PDB file of N, CA and C in Angstrom:
ATOM      1  N   MET A   1     -23.157 -28.138 -25.478  1.00  0.00           N
ATOM      2  CA  MET A   1     -23.238 -26.732 -25.750  1.00  0.00           C
ATOM      3  C   MET A   1     -22.446 -26.349 -26.995  1.00  0.00           C
ATOM      4  N   LEU A   2     -21.368 -27.021 -27.247  1.00  0.00           N
ATOM      5  CA  LEU A   2     -20.531 -26.651 -28.375  1.00  0.00           C
ATOM      6  C   LEU A   2     -21.211 -26.918 -29.703  1.00  0.00           C
ATOM      7  N   ASP A   3     -22.207 -27.782 -29.713  1.00  0.00           N
ATOM      8  CA  ASP A   3     -22.919 -28.097 -30.946  1.00  0.00           C
ATOM      9  C   ASP A   3     -24.115 -27.178 -31.161  1.00  0.00           C
ATOM     10  N   SER A   4     -24.296 -26.202 -30.293  1.00  0.00           N
ATOM     11  CA  SER A   4     -25.446 -25.317 -30.384  1.00  0.00           C
ATOM     12  C   SER A   4     -25.243 -24.249 -31.448  1.00  0.00           C
ATOM     13  N   ASN A   5     -26.326 -23.881 -32.092  1.00  0.00           N
ATOM     14  CA  ASN A   5     -26.298 -22.786 -33.059  1.00  0.00           C
ATOM     15  C   ASN A   5     -26.711 -21.469 -32.419  1.00  0.00           C
ATOM     16  N   LYS A   6     -26.960 -21.501 -31.124  1.00  0.00           N
ATOM     17  CA  LYS A   6     -27.398 -20.300 -30.423  1.00  0.00           C
ATOM     18  C   LYS A   6     -26.192 -19.411 -30.120  1.00  0.00           C
ATOM     19  N   PRO A   7     -26.404 -18.097 -30.026  1.00  0.00           N
ATOM     20  CA  PRO A   7     -25.293 -17.200 -29.713  1.00  0.00           C
ATOM     21  C   PRO A   7     -24.767 -17.450 -28.302  1.00  0.00           C
ATOM     22  N   TRP A   8     -23.505 -17.102 -28.094  1.00  0.00           N
ATOM     23  CA  TRP A   8     -22.878 -17.353 -26.799  1.00  0.00           C
ATOM     24  C   TRP A   8     -23.602 -16.628 -25.680  1.00  0.00           C
ATOM     25  N   GLU A   9     -24.206 -15.477 -25.966  1.00  0.00           N
ATOM     26  CA  GLU A   9     -24.920 -14.725 -24.928  1.00  0.00           C
ATOM     27  C   GLU A   9     -26.090 -15.535 -24.379  1.00  0.00           C
ATOM     28  N   PHE A  10     -26.742 -16.269 -25.254  1.00  0.00           N
ATOM     29  CA  PHE A  10     -27.852 -17.119 -24.832  1.00  0.00           C
ATOM     30  C   PHE A  10     -27.351 -18.223 -23.903  1.00  0.00           C
ATOM     31  N   LEU A  11     -26.244 -18.835 -24.279  1.00  0.00           N
ATOM     32  CA  LEU A  11     -25.690 -19.933 -23.480  1.00  0.00           C
ATOM     33  C   LEU A  11     -25.210 -19.444 -22.114  1.00  0.00           C
ATOM     34  N   VAL A  12     -24.598 -18.272 -22.074  1.00  0.00           N
ATOM     35  CA  VAL A  12     -24.160 -17.705 -20.794  1.00  0.00           C
ATOM     36  C   VAL A  12     -25.380 -17.383 -19.930  1.00  0.00           C
ATOM     37  N   GLY A  13     -26.412 -16.837 -20.549  1.00  0.00           N
ATOM     38  CA  GLY A  13     -27.648 -16.551 -19.817  1.00  0.00           C
ATOM     39  C   GLY A  13     -28.260 -17.803 -19.226  1.00  0.00           C
ATOM     40  N   GLN A  14     -28.237 -18.890 -19.976  1.00  0.00           N
ATOM     41  CA  GLN A  14     -28.748 -20.164 -19.468  1.00  0.00           C
ATOM     42  C   GLN A  14     -27.929 -20.642 -18.267  1.00  0.00           C
ATOM     43  N   ALA A  15     -26.611 -20.503 -18.359  1.00  0.00           N
ATOM     44  CA  ALA A  15     -25.735 -20.926 -17.261  1.00  0.00           C
ATOM     45  C   ALA A  15     -25.991 -20.083 -16.018  1.00  0.00           C
ATOM     46  N   ILE A  16     -26.175 -18.781 -16.204  1.00  0.00           N
ATOM     47  CA  ILE A  16     -26.443 -17.903 -15.056  1.00  0.00           C
ATOM     48  C   ILE A  16     -27.802 -18.236 -14.450  1.00  0.00           C
ATOM     49  N   ALA A  17     -28.797 -18.524 -15.282  1.00  0.00           N
ATOM     50  CA  ALA A  17     -30.132 -18.864 -14.784  1.00  0.00           C
ATOM     51  C   ALA A  17     -30.113 -20.132 -13.938  1.00  0.00           C
ATOM     52  N   GLN A  18     -29.199 -21.042 -14.234  1.00  0.00           N
ATOM     53  CA  GLN A  18     -29.114 -22.303 -13.504  1.00  0.00           C
ATOM     54  C   GLN A  18     -28.117 -22.248 -12.350  1.00  0.00           C
ATOM     55  N   LEU A  19     -27.557 -21.076 -12.108  1.00  0.00           N
ATOM     56  CA  LEU A  19     -26.539 -20.912 -11.079  1.00  0.00           C
ATOM     57  C   LEU A  19     -27.088 -21.239  -9.695  1.00  0.00           C
ATOM     58  N   GLU A  20     -26.414 -22.114  -9.002  1.00  0.00           N
ATOM     59  CA  GLU A  20     -26.757 -22.436  -7.623  1.00  0.00           C
ATOM     60  C   GLU A  20     -25.721 -21.753  -6.736  1.00  0.00           C
ATOM     61  N   VAL A  21     -26.176 -20.852  -5.893  1.00  0.00           N
ATOM     62  CA  VAL A  21     -25.275 -20.042  -5.083  1.00  0.00           C
ATOM     63  C   VAL A  21     -24.827 -20.826  -3.860  1.00  0.00           C
ATOM     64  N   ALA A  22     -23.522 -20.841  -3.651  1.00  0.00           N
ATOM     65  CA  ALA A  22     -22.928 -21.514  -2.495  1.00  0.00           C
ATOM     66  C   ALA A  22     -22.308 -20.462  -1.584  1.00  0.00           C
ATOM     67  N   GLN A  23     -22.280 -20.754  -0.301  1.00  0.00           N
ATOM     68  CA  GLN A  23     -21.639 -19.839   0.647  1.00  0.00           C
ATOM     69  C   GLN A  23     -20.173 -19.639   0.285  1.00  0.00           C
ATOM     70  N   THR A  24     -19.509 -20.711  -0.040  1.00  0.00           N
ATOM     71  CA  THR A  24     -18.110 -20.657  -0.459  1.00  0.00           C
ATOM     72  C   THR A  24     -18.029 -21.252  -1.857  1.00  0.00           C
ATOM     73  N   PRO A  25     -17.949 -20.396  -2.871  1.00  0.00           N
ATOM     74  CA  PRO A  25     -17.910 -20.922  -4.241  1.00  0.00           C
ATOM     75  C   PRO A  25     -16.637 -21.714  -4.511  1.00  0.00           C
ATOM     76  N   LYS A  26     -16.766 -22.736  -5.328  1.00  0.00           N
ATOM     77  CA  LYS A  26     -15.604 -23.536  -5.722  1.00  0.00           C
ATOM     78  C   LYS A  26     -14.707 -22.703  -6.629  1.00  0.00           C
ATOM     79  N   ALA A  27     -13.425 -22.971  -6.572  1.00  0.00           N
ATOM     80  CA  ALA A  27     -12.473 -22.284  -7.434  1.00  0.00           C
ATOM     81  C   ALA A  27     -12.817 -22.564  -8.895  1.00  0.00           C
ATOM     82  N   HIS A  28     -12.758 -21.566  -9.718  1.00  0.00           N
ATOM     83  CA  HIS A  28     -13.001 -21.648 -11.158  1.00  0.00           C
ATOM     84  C   HIS A  28     -14.463 -21.943 -11.502  1.00  0.00           C
ATOM     85  N   SER A  29     -15.368 -21.737 -10.557  1.00  0.00           N
ATOM     86  CA  SER A  29     -16.794 -21.901 -10.852  1.00  0.00           C
ATOM     87  C   SER A  29     -17.323 -20.599 -11.450  1.00  0.00           C
ATOM     88  N   LEU A  30     -18.502 -20.660 -12.044  1.00  0.00           N
ATOM     89  CA  LEU A  30     -19.113 -19.460 -12.608  1.00  0.00           C
ATOM     90  C   LEU A  30     -19.326 -18.419 -11.515  1.00  0.00           C
ATOM     91  N   GLN A  31     -19.758 -18.853 -10.356  1.00  0.00           N
ATOM     92  CA  GLN A  31     -19.956 -17.946  -9.224  1.00  0.00           C
ATOM     93  C   GLN A  31     -18.639 -17.288  -8.825  1.00  0.00           C
ATOM     94  N   ASP A  32     -17.564 -18.036  -8.843  1.00  0.00           N
ATOM     95  CA  ASP A  32     -16.243 -17.509  -8.507  1.00  0.00           C
ATOM     96  C   ASP A  32     -15.806 -16.470  -9.538  1.00  0.00           C
ATOM     97  N   TYR A  33     -16.012 -16.750 -10.809  1.00  0.00           N
ATOM     98  CA  TYR A  33     -15.612 -15.824 -11.866  1.00  0.00           C
ATOM     99  C   TYR A  33     -16.454 -14.546 -11.854  1.00  0.00           C
ATOM    100  N   LEU A  34     -17.745 -14.670 -11.599  1.00  0.00           N
ATOM    101  CA  LEU A  34     -18.606 -13.490 -11.585  1.00  0.00           C
ATOM    102  C   LEU A  34     -18.335 -12.593 -10.385  1.00  0.00           C
ATOM    103  N   GLY A  35     -18.045 -13.214  -9.250  1.00  0.00           N
ATOM    104  CA  GLY A  35     -17.799 -12.448  -8.026  1.00  0.00           C
ATOM    105  C   GLY A  35     -19.071 -12.278  -7.217  1.00  0.00           C
ATOM    106  N   ALA A  36     -18.888 -12.085  -5.925  1.00  0.00           N
ATOM    107  CA  ALA A  36     -20.013 -12.024  -4.997  1.00  0.00           C
ATOM    108  C   ALA A  36     -20.970 -10.883  -5.315  1.00  0.00           C
ATOM    109  N   LYS A  37     -20.441  -9.719  -5.661  1.00  0.00           N
ATOM    110  CA  LYS A  37     -21.295  -8.556  -5.924  1.00  0.00           C
ATOM    111  C   LYS A  37     -22.170  -8.773  -7.156  1.00  0.00           C
ATOM    112  N   ALA A  38     -21.599  -9.306  -8.219  1.00  0.00           N
ATOM    113  CA  ALA A  38     -22.368  -9.561  -9.438  1.00  0.00           C
ATOM    114  C   ALA A  38     -23.432 -10.623  -9.195  1.00  0.00           C
ATOM    115  N   VAL A  39     -23.071 -11.693  -8.503  1.00  0.00           N
ATOM    116  CA  VAL A  39     -24.035 -12.760  -8.210  1.00  0.00           C
ATOM    117  C   VAL A  39     -25.177 -12.218  -7.371  1.00  0.00           C
ATOM    118  N   GLU A  40     -24.863 -11.380  -6.389  1.00  0.00           N
ATOM    119  CA  GLU A  40     -25.904 -10.786  -5.546  1.00  0.00           C
ATOM    120  C   GLU A  40     -26.886  -9.966  -6.389  1.00  0.00           C
ATOM    121  N   HIS A  41     -26.371  -9.198  -7.315  1.00  0.00           N
ATOM    122  CA  HIS A  41     -27.248  -8.379  -8.175  1.00  0.00           C
ATOM    123  C   HIS A  41     -28.066  -9.246  -9.115  1.00  0.00           C
ATOM    124  N   LEU A  42     -27.516 -10.346  -9.571  1.00  0.00           N
ATOM    125  CA  LEU A  42     -28.233 -11.214 -10.497  1.00  0.00           C
ATOM    126  C   LEU A  42     -29.373 -11.973  -9.835  1.00  0.00           C
ATOM    127  N   ILE A  43     -29.187 -12.371  -8.574  1.00  0.00           N
ATOM    128  CA  ILE A  43     -30.201 -13.202  -7.934  1.00  0.00           C
ATOM    129  C   ILE A  43     -31.221 -12.394  -7.136  1.00  0.00           C
ATOM    130  N   ASN A  44     -30.959 -11.132  -6.936  1.00  0.00           N
ATOM    131  CA  ASN A  44     -31.917 -10.298  -6.174  1.00  0.00           C
ATOM    132  C   ASN A  44     -32.694  -9.385  -7.070  1.00  0.00           C
TER     133      ASN A  44
END
C-alpha cells in the first residue's frame, strides 16, 4: 500500500470494503478503531 499513488481515501475505502466483522473485534483492528456504531452503519 505504501507504494501506491492512489489517495489515502481510496486505500481506506478499500480496507473498509474488505472488512470482516467479528463479534469481538481484535484490539487495534480497523473494526475496533471505527467502533460498533460506525461499522453497523457501513455494512447495513
